N, C-alpha and C. Protein backbone atom coordinates (compact mmCIF):
# COMPACT_ATOMS: atom_id res chain seq x y z
N MET A 1 10.99 1.20 -54.82
CA MET A 1 9.81 0.14 -55.39
C MET A 1 9.92 -0.78 -54.75
N ALA A 2 8.84 -1.50 -54.12
CA ALA A 2 8.49 -2.84 -53.50
C ALA A 2 7.61 -3.62 -53.96
N ILE A 3 7.64 -5.23 -53.86
CA ILE A 3 7.21 -6.04 -54.46
C ILE A 3 6.44 -6.72 -53.45
N SER A 4 5.00 -6.94 -53.53
CA SER A 4 4.51 -7.80 -52.60
C SER A 4 3.50 -8.82 -53.21
N SER A 5 3.25 -9.87 -52.42
CA SER A 5 2.64 -10.81 -52.94
C SER A 5 1.02 -10.53 -53.32
N PRO A 6 0.54 -11.15 -54.12
CA PRO A 6 -1.01 -10.77 -54.23
C PRO A 6 -1.71 -11.75 -53.24
N SER A 7 -2.95 -11.13 -52.73
CA SER A 7 -3.73 -11.71 -51.86
C SER A 7 -4.55 -12.79 -52.19
N ASP A 8 -4.63 -13.11 -53.58
CA ASP A 8 -5.28 -14.16 -54.27
C ASP A 8 -4.15 -15.32 -54.37
N SER A 9 -4.60 -16.39 -55.00
CA SER A 9 -3.87 -17.71 -55.42
C SER A 9 -3.19 -17.53 -56.66
N ASN A 10 -3.59 -16.21 -57.42
CA ASN A 10 -2.53 -16.45 -58.69
C ASN A 10 -1.37 -15.94 -58.35
N GLN A 11 -0.53 -17.18 -58.75
CA GLN A 11 1.01 -17.24 -58.64
C GLN A 11 1.69 -16.54 -59.53
N ASN A 12 1.04 -16.05 -60.81
CA ASN A 12 1.54 -15.37 -61.91
C ASN A 12 1.46 -13.93 -62.01
N LEU A 13 1.07 -13.48 -61.01
CA LEU A 13 0.87 -12.14 -60.71
C LEU A 13 1.86 -11.26 -59.97
N GLN A 14 2.39 -10.29 -60.27
CA GLN A 14 3.28 -9.33 -59.39
C GLN A 14 2.87 -8.10 -59.42
N ILE A 15 2.57 -7.66 -58.03
CA ILE A 15 2.10 -6.27 -57.90
C ILE A 15 3.12 -5.45 -57.51
N ILE A 16 3.43 -4.37 -58.18
CA ILE A 16 4.38 -3.53 -57.83
C ILE A 16 3.75 -1.94 -57.21
N ARG A 17 4.09 -1.88 -55.92
CA ARG A 17 3.55 -0.58 -55.20
C ARG A 17 4.73 0.51 -55.48
N ILE A 18 4.24 1.47 -55.92
CA ILE A 18 5.06 2.70 -56.02
C ILE A 18 5.41 3.55 -54.86
N ASN A 19 6.63 3.76 -54.43
CA ASN A 19 6.92 4.64 -53.56
C ASN A 19 6.29 4.23 -52.31
N PRO A 20 6.57 2.86 -51.85
CA PRO A 20 6.15 2.46 -50.37
C PRO A 20 6.72 3.14 -49.25
N SER A 21 8.16 3.58 -49.18
CA SER A 21 9.10 4.25 -48.30
C SER A 21 8.19 5.60 -47.97
N LYS A 22 7.78 6.18 -49.01
CA LYS A 22 7.18 7.56 -48.70
C LYS A 22 6.05 7.41 -47.93
N LYS A 23 5.77 8.45 -46.77
CA LYS A 23 4.49 8.24 -46.10
C LYS A 23 3.44 8.75 -46.82
N LEU A 24 2.58 7.77 -47.09
CA LEU A 24 1.21 7.79 -48.02
C LEU A 24 0.54 8.92 -47.09
N PRO A 25 -0.26 9.71 -48.34
CA PRO A 25 -0.88 11.00 -47.70
C PRO A 25 -2.25 10.32 -47.12
N SER A 26 -3.05 11.20 -46.54
CA SER A 26 -4.19 10.67 -45.74
C SER A 26 -5.28 10.59 -46.58
N LYS A 27 -6.17 9.69 -46.45
CA LYS A 27 -7.32 9.61 -47.34
C LYS A 27 -8.61 9.45 -46.70
N ASP A 28 -9.66 10.12 -47.18
CA ASP A 28 -11.01 9.92 -46.73
C ASP A 28 -11.40 8.37 -46.62
N PRO A 29 -12.55 8.07 -45.66
CA PRO A 29 -12.85 6.83 -45.63
C PRO A 29 -13.66 6.45 -46.50
N ASP A 30 -14.16 7.33 -47.36
CA ASP A 30 -15.08 6.85 -48.66
C ASP A 30 -14.22 6.99 -50.21
N ALA A 31 -12.94 7.11 -49.85
CA ALA A 31 -11.87 7.18 -50.98
C ALA A 31 -12.08 5.99 -51.85
N LEU A 32 -11.89 6.20 -53.34
CA LEU A 32 -12.08 5.40 -54.11
C LEU A 32 -11.03 4.84 -55.11
N LYS A 33 -10.93 3.52 -55.04
CA LYS A 33 -9.72 2.95 -55.96
C LYS A 33 -10.44 2.77 -57.24
N LEU A 34 -9.66 3.13 -58.48
CA LEU A 34 -9.97 2.88 -59.71
C LEU A 34 -9.11 1.85 -60.60
N PHE A 35 -9.83 1.28 -61.00
CA PHE A 35 -8.92 0.30 -62.14
C PHE A 35 -8.92 0.75 -63.38
N ILE A 36 -7.63 0.85 -63.99
CA ILE A 36 -7.30 1.57 -65.15
C ILE A 36 -6.90 0.39 -66.10
N GLY A 37 -7.74 0.50 -67.08
CA GLY A 37 -7.00 -0.50 -68.13
C GLY A 37 -6.65 0.05 -69.57
N GLN A 38 -6.09 -0.70 -70.33
CA GLN A 38 -5.69 0.11 -71.66
C GLN A 38 -4.48 0.99 -71.56
N ILE A 39 -3.45 0.43 -70.67
CA ILE A 39 -2.39 1.15 -70.33
C ILE A 39 -1.17 0.52 -71.42
N PRO A 40 -0.29 1.20 -71.85
CA PRO A 40 0.84 0.68 -72.58
C PRO A 40 1.59 -0.05 -71.60
N LYS A 41 2.17 -1.46 -72.11
CA LYS A 41 3.24 -2.22 -71.39
C LYS A 41 4.28 -1.56 -70.70
N HIS A 42 4.82 -0.39 -71.45
CA HIS A 42 5.85 0.06 -70.98
C HIS A 42 5.90 1.16 -70.00
N TYR A 43 4.72 1.81 -69.97
CA TYR A 43 4.46 2.86 -68.91
C TYR A 43 4.60 2.00 -67.18
N ASP A 44 5.12 3.30 -66.89
CA ASP A 44 5.49 3.10 -65.38
C ASP A 44 4.74 4.39 -64.48
N GLU A 45 4.82 4.51 -63.26
CA GLU A 45 4.23 5.39 -62.58
C GLU A 45 4.80 6.89 -63.20
N SER A 46 6.05 7.20 -63.43
CA SER A 46 6.01 8.62 -64.04
C SER A 46 5.41 8.83 -65.26
N ASP A 47 4.65 8.04 -65.82
CA ASP A 47 3.81 8.06 -67.21
C ASP A 47 2.54 8.21 -66.79
N ILE A 48 1.94 7.14 -65.89
CA ILE A 48 0.49 7.22 -65.47
C ILE A 48 0.29 8.61 -64.45
N LYS A 49 1.08 8.82 -63.68
CA LYS A 49 0.75 9.64 -62.51
C LYS A 49 0.35 11.17 -63.09
N PRO A 50 0.90 11.71 -64.12
CA PRO A 50 0.58 13.18 -64.61
C PRO A 50 -0.76 12.99 -65.16
N ILE A 51 -1.28 11.86 -65.75
CA ILE A 51 -2.53 11.94 -66.31
C ILE A 51 -3.70 11.87 -65.29
N PHE A 52 -3.34 11.35 -64.14
CA PHE A 52 -4.15 11.06 -63.42
C PHE A 52 -4.20 12.22 -62.10
N GLU A 53 -3.06 12.91 -61.98
CA GLU A 53 -2.76 13.72 -60.61
C GLU A 53 -3.51 14.91 -60.88
N LYS A 54 -3.87 15.35 -61.93
CA LYS A 54 -4.59 16.73 -62.41
C LYS A 54 -5.95 16.45 -61.72
N PHE A 55 -6.53 15.51 -61.51
CA PHE A 55 -7.94 15.40 -60.94
C PHE A 55 -7.93 15.46 -59.06
N GLY A 56 -6.52 15.45 -58.68
CA GLY A 56 -6.55 15.35 -57.23
C GLY A 56 -5.35 14.27 -56.64
N GLU A 57 -5.53 14.88 -55.52
CA GLU A 57 -4.17 14.01 -54.78
C GLU A 57 -4.24 12.35 -54.65
N ILE A 58 -3.21 11.97 -55.26
CA ILE A 58 -3.33 10.24 -55.24
C ILE A 58 -2.69 9.73 -53.94
N TYR A 59 -3.25 8.73 -53.33
CA TYR A 59 -2.99 8.09 -52.11
C TYR A 59 -2.09 6.95 -52.71
N GLU A 60 -2.42 6.08 -53.85
CA GLU A 60 -1.54 4.86 -54.23
C GLU A 60 -1.86 4.64 -55.58
N ILE A 61 -0.70 4.12 -56.53
CA ILE A 61 -1.04 3.56 -57.61
C ILE A 61 -0.08 2.36 -57.72
N VAL A 62 -0.98 1.30 -57.98
CA VAL A 62 -0.41 -0.17 -58.15
C VAL A 62 -0.38 -0.33 -59.54
N ILE A 63 0.97 -0.79 -60.04
CA ILE A 63 0.71 -1.55 -61.49
C ILE A 63 1.10 -2.89 -61.42
N LEU A 64 0.26 -3.30 -62.16
CA LEU A 64 0.03 -4.76 -62.05
C LEU A 64 1.07 -5.37 -63.05
N LYS A 65 2.02 -6.30 -62.90
CA LYS A 65 3.11 -7.16 -63.58
C LYS A 65 2.89 -8.73 -63.49
N ASP A 66 3.35 -9.30 -64.32
CA ASP A 66 3.45 -10.56 -64.53
C ASP A 66 4.40 -10.96 -64.02
N ARG A 67 4.36 -11.98 -62.65
CA ARG A 67 5.47 -12.39 -61.91
C ARG A 67 6.58 -13.04 -62.64
N ALA A 68 6.03 -14.09 -63.52
CA ALA A 68 6.97 -14.55 -64.25
C ALA A 68 8.39 -13.67 -65.02
N THR A 69 7.53 -12.71 -66.22
CA THR A 69 8.05 -12.08 -67.07
C THR A 69 8.72 -10.76 -66.38
N GLY A 70 7.86 -10.32 -65.42
CA GLY A 70 8.12 -8.91 -65.01
C GLY A 70 7.22 -7.80 -65.91
N VAL A 71 6.58 -8.33 -66.88
CA VAL A 71 5.88 -7.52 -67.94
C VAL A 71 4.77 -7.05 -67.32
N SER A 72 4.42 -5.75 -67.70
CA SER A 72 3.43 -5.02 -67.20
C SER A 72 2.01 -5.78 -67.94
N ARG A 73 1.12 -6.04 -67.12
CA ARG A 73 0.02 -6.52 -67.70
C ARG A 73 -0.95 -5.55 -68.39
N GLY A 74 -0.54 -4.11 -68.67
CA GLY A 74 -1.51 -3.11 -69.12
C GLY A 74 -2.39 -2.57 -68.30
N CYS A 75 -2.43 -2.70 -67.17
CA CYS A 75 -3.32 -2.18 -65.87
C CYS A 75 -2.82 -1.79 -64.68
N ALA A 76 -3.50 -0.77 -63.94
CA ALA A 76 -2.98 -0.56 -62.78
C ALA A 76 -4.31 -0.16 -61.79
N PHE A 77 -4.13 0.22 -60.77
CA PHE A 77 -5.01 0.49 -59.80
C PHE A 77 -4.60 2.07 -59.23
N CYS A 78 -5.49 3.09 -59.33
CA CYS A 78 -5.25 4.21 -58.83
C CYS A 78 -6.28 4.74 -57.59
N THR A 79 -5.69 4.98 -56.51
CA THR A 79 -6.53 5.35 -55.29
C THR A 79 -6.25 6.70 -54.79
N TYR A 80 -7.53 7.33 -55.01
CA TYR A 80 -7.20 8.83 -54.79
C TYR A 80 -7.75 8.96 -53.29
N CYS A 81 -7.02 10.27 -52.63
CA CYS A 81 -7.47 10.58 -51.23
C CYS A 81 -8.88 11.19 -51.18
N ARG A 82 -9.25 11.68 -52.19
CA ARG A 82 -10.89 12.05 -51.98
C ARG A 82 -11.62 11.31 -53.00
N ARG A 83 -12.74 10.94 -52.98
CA ARG A 83 -13.78 10.27 -54.00
C ARG A 83 -14.08 11.10 -54.60
N GLU A 84 -14.39 12.49 -54.63
CA GLU A 84 -14.63 13.32 -55.71
C GLU A 84 -13.53 13.31 -56.70
N SER A 85 -12.50 13.15 -56.37
CA SER A 85 -11.26 13.19 -57.38
C SER A 85 -11.33 11.96 -58.43
N ALA A 86 -11.35 11.04 -57.95
CA ALA A 86 -11.64 9.58 -58.61
C ALA A 86 -12.86 9.59 -59.45
N LEU A 87 -14.14 10.19 -58.97
CA LEU A 87 -15.19 10.44 -59.79
C LEU A 87 -14.92 11.15 -60.88
N ALA A 88 -14.22 12.37 -60.75
CA ALA A 88 -13.93 13.21 -61.67
C ALA A 88 -12.86 12.71 -62.98
N ALA A 89 -11.97 11.89 -62.43
CA ALA A 89 -11.09 11.29 -63.35
C ALA A 89 -11.91 10.23 -64.19
N GLN A 90 -12.45 9.36 -63.55
CA GLN A 90 -13.47 8.69 -64.06
C GLN A 90 -14.31 9.34 -65.08
N GLN A 91 -15.03 10.40 -65.26
CA GLN A 91 -15.82 11.06 -65.68
C GLN A 91 -15.17 11.61 -66.89
N GLU A 92 -13.95 12.18 -66.68
CA GLU A 92 -13.18 12.63 -67.98
C GLU A 92 -12.54 11.80 -68.83
N LEU A 93 -11.98 10.41 -68.33
CA LEU A 93 -10.87 9.79 -68.96
C LEU A 93 -11.55 8.43 -69.70
N HIS A 94 -12.64 7.75 -68.83
CA HIS A 94 -13.15 6.48 -69.25
C HIS A 94 -13.88 6.45 -70.80
N GLU A 95 -13.14 5.65 -71.43
CA GLU A 95 -13.68 5.50 -72.89
C GLU A 95 -13.29 6.78 -73.67
N LYS A 96 -12.63 7.63 -73.06
CA LYS A 96 -12.43 9.27 -73.95
C LYS A 96 -11.16 9.52 -74.42
N LYS A 97 -10.12 8.64 -73.55
CA LYS A 97 -8.58 9.11 -73.99
C LYS A 97 -7.90 7.76 -74.18
N ILE A 98 -7.31 7.79 -75.46
CA ILE A 98 -6.22 6.78 -76.16
C ILE A 98 -4.88 7.10 -75.87
N LEU A 99 -4.27 6.33 -75.15
CA LEU A 99 -2.86 6.77 -75.04
C LEU A 99 -2.00 6.09 -76.12
N PRO A 100 -0.74 6.88 -76.23
CA PRO A 100 -0.11 6.52 -77.33
C PRO A 100 0.43 4.97 -77.67
N GLY A 101 0.30 4.34 -78.59
CA GLY A 101 0.52 3.22 -78.97
C GLY A 101 -0.44 2.21 -78.65
N MET A 102 -1.70 2.98 -78.15
CA MET A 102 -2.94 1.83 -78.01
C MET A 102 -4.09 2.12 -79.16
N HIS A 103 -4.73 0.96 -79.14
CA HIS A 103 -5.92 1.19 -80.21
C HIS A 103 -6.99 1.37 -79.56
N PHE A 104 -7.36 1.36 -78.24
CA PHE A 104 -8.46 1.49 -77.42
C PHE A 104 -8.37 2.52 -76.56
N PRO A 105 -9.57 3.19 -76.16
CA PRO A 105 -9.36 4.13 -74.88
C PRO A 105 -9.36 3.55 -73.65
N LEU A 106 -8.90 4.30 -72.82
CA LEU A 106 -8.50 3.86 -71.42
C LEU A 106 -10.12 3.58 -70.76
N GLN A 107 -9.72 2.68 -69.87
CA GLN A 107 -10.67 1.97 -69.03
C GLN A 107 -10.57 2.31 -67.70
N VAL A 108 -11.42 3.51 -67.12
CA VAL A 108 -11.44 3.82 -65.77
C VAL A 108 -12.97 3.67 -65.13
N LYS A 109 -12.62 2.84 -64.11
CA LYS A 109 -13.78 2.64 -63.53
C LYS A 109 -13.54 2.07 -62.10
N PRO A 110 -14.61 2.21 -61.01
CA PRO A 110 -14.14 1.66 -59.74
C PRO A 110 -13.83 0.21 -59.79
N ALA A 111 -12.77 -0.20 -58.97
CA ALA A 111 -12.36 -1.37 -59.04
C ALA A 111 -13.47 -2.48 -58.59
N ASP A 112 -13.40 -3.69 -58.83
CA ASP A 112 -14.39 -4.62 -58.28
C ASP A 112 -14.69 -4.54 -56.72
N SER A 113 -13.58 -4.26 -56.12
CA SER A 113 -13.59 -4.33 -54.68
C SER A 113 -14.37 -3.25 -54.11
N GLU A 114 -14.48 -2.12 -55.11
CA GLU A 114 -15.34 -0.92 -54.56
C GLU A 114 -16.55 -0.87 -54.94
N THR A 115 -16.98 -2.01 -56.02
CA THR A 115 -18.57 -2.07 -56.46
C THR A 115 -19.25 -2.98 -55.81
N ARG A 116 -18.38 -3.97 -55.21
CA ARG A 116 -19.18 -5.39 -54.65
C ARG A 116 -18.31 -5.42 -53.25
N PRO A 117 -18.08 -4.66 -52.35
CA PRO A 117 -17.23 -4.95 -51.00
C PRO A 117 -17.80 -6.18 -50.38
N GLU A 118 -19.22 -6.47 -50.41
CA GLU A 118 -19.62 -7.46 -49.55
C GLU A 118 -19.30 -8.66 -50.33
N GLU A 119 -18.84 -8.76 -51.67
CA GLU A 119 -18.72 -10.01 -52.20
C GLU A 119 -17.32 -10.32 -52.36
N ARG A 120 -16.94 -11.73 -51.43
CA ARG A 120 -15.79 -12.06 -51.50
C ARG A 120 -15.72 -13.56 -52.10
N LYS A 121 -14.57 -13.76 -52.74
CA LYS A 121 -14.35 -15.14 -53.29
C LYS A 121 -13.31 -15.87 -52.82
N LEU A 122 -13.63 -17.20 -52.80
CA LEU A 122 -12.56 -18.17 -51.85
C LEU A 122 -12.55 -19.23 -52.65
N PHE A 123 -11.43 -19.79 -52.99
CA PHE A 123 -11.04 -21.03 -53.59
C PHE A 123 -10.91 -21.91 -52.90
N ILE A 124 -11.43 -23.08 -53.01
CA ILE A 124 -11.56 -24.55 -52.16
C ILE A 124 -10.96 -25.33 -53.26
N GLY A 125 -9.89 -26.13 -53.03
CA GLY A 125 -9.42 -27.24 -54.08
C GLY A 125 -9.52 -28.28 -53.54
N MET A 126 -9.23 -29.42 -54.12
CA MET A 126 -9.01 -31.02 -53.90
C MET A 126 -10.41 -31.54 -53.52
N LEU A 127 -11.48 -30.95 -54.06
CA LEU A 127 -12.91 -31.56 -53.48
C LEU A 127 -13.07 -32.79 -54.25
N SER A 128 -13.86 -33.69 -53.85
CA SER A 128 -14.42 -34.77 -54.81
C SER A 128 -15.30 -34.56 -55.72
N LYS A 129 -15.47 -35.03 -56.94
CA LYS A 129 -16.30 -34.66 -57.96
C LYS A 129 -17.65 -35.01 -57.66
N THR A 130 -17.96 -35.79 -56.81
CA THR A 130 -19.04 -36.14 -56.37
C THR A 130 -19.75 -35.53 -55.35
N MET A 131 -18.91 -34.43 -54.75
CA MET A 131 -19.50 -33.53 -53.66
C MET A 131 -20.56 -32.54 -53.99
N ARG A 132 -21.64 -32.77 -53.34
CA ARG A 132 -22.85 -31.79 -53.89
C ARG A 132 -22.28 -30.03 -53.13
N GLU A 133 -23.17 -29.44 -53.62
CA GLU A 133 -23.05 -27.98 -52.89
C GLU A 133 -23.69 -28.08 -51.40
N ASP A 134 -24.78 -28.67 -51.00
CA ASP A 134 -25.07 -28.55 -49.82
C ASP A 134 -24.13 -29.43 -48.91
N GLU A 135 -23.35 -30.60 -49.21
CA GLU A 135 -22.70 -31.14 -48.51
C GLU A 135 -21.35 -29.83 -48.14
N LEU A 136 -20.79 -29.11 -49.25
CA LEU A 136 -19.99 -28.24 -49.05
C LEU A 136 -20.19 -27.21 -47.70
N ARG A 137 -21.55 -26.85 -47.93
CA ARG A 137 -21.97 -25.74 -46.92
C ARG A 137 -21.98 -26.31 -45.56
């Protein structure tokens, strides 16, 4: 297991990548990354993978954990090698399966980066309170 820093400025988020030393399988160019919510905080890859691998080969599973506490945030990302596998998992699981110990069904949907690839956010700090938007542009 390896820990990598998040690409955004959220310093309280720790991303755990499962099996980074294993060679990743190849994935199609149109492969889809799914957001998975409503996962029990004690779940790890061995609990998540069996639920999702029945829909197809998994390229990567990323479990999100709080950096300060190391506790799971109750969500993950799952990238399939084939787009059709991800769509099948979403169709079968989204709002339909409740995991033990949870009160709400799984949320399984394309990650924000998949639905809005052209939209990127940039944080800019230390600006004057009087600065106007046109001045910033």
